[in-house]
Amino acid sequence: MEFLQRDRKPAEVTLKQNRSMKKSRMKKTNLPSLITPMAILGAAALFLAGCSKREEPAAPSAQRPKASDSVSSVVPKAVVETKETIQDAAQKASAEAGILKTQAQVQVQQLKDQVVVEADKLKAQAREQVQSAKDQTAAGADKLKTQAQALIDQGSKLVADSKYAEAGDVLKQLANYKLSPEQQKTTDELGTQIKAGLAADATKSVGDLLKGTK
């Protein structure tokens, strides 16, 4: 009995120790079991926060236009710029053409004016030449008229002196002159007088010859 009692005591002690050890183990095991879910939750929160921060810059990428959209927006812009460039070039060309046209019109008008001036000069020169020729002709005619008149006067004097033969020789020179109507009339009268005088002289000479023969 004593032996059994002795054995019971250690057994009870052992049971108590086992129970205390189980309790301590349960405490230890319960603590990590609580810590682990909390750590997992914290890590998950950190992970989600990191993901959200990483995903925030991606938002503008969602707003970025697609490649086709960017191309479609650039192409019309290029077309508009090209159209504007062509329009500017056309306007410049039109302006330059207008300037050239104006310059050409001015040059044409200047040429017309110059032609008119030259034509007027030529007309004036022609009139001057014609007038000079007329003056020369008139001067020559007056000179010839004066010369003819001098011959007529000389013939008249010879007729008055009864020098009919010499007067006839003078009147023959008047054939080279263009006489005025008055001069022509005087010359005709002198010619008649010369003929009459010559005839008279011839008759007288014949009478003298006849007288000499008697």
Foldseek 3Di string as FASTA:
>chain_A
DVVVVVVVVVVVVVVVVVVVVVVVVVVVVVVVVVVVVVVVVVVVVVVVVVVVVVCVVCVVVVVDDDPVVVVVVVVVVVVVVVVVVVVVVVVVVVVVVVVVVVVVVVVVVVVVVVVVVVVVVVVVVVVVVVVVVVVVVVVVLVVLQVVLVVLLVVLVVCLVVLVLVVSVVSLVVCVVHDYDPVSVVSSVVSVVSSVVSVVVVVVVVVVVVVVVVD
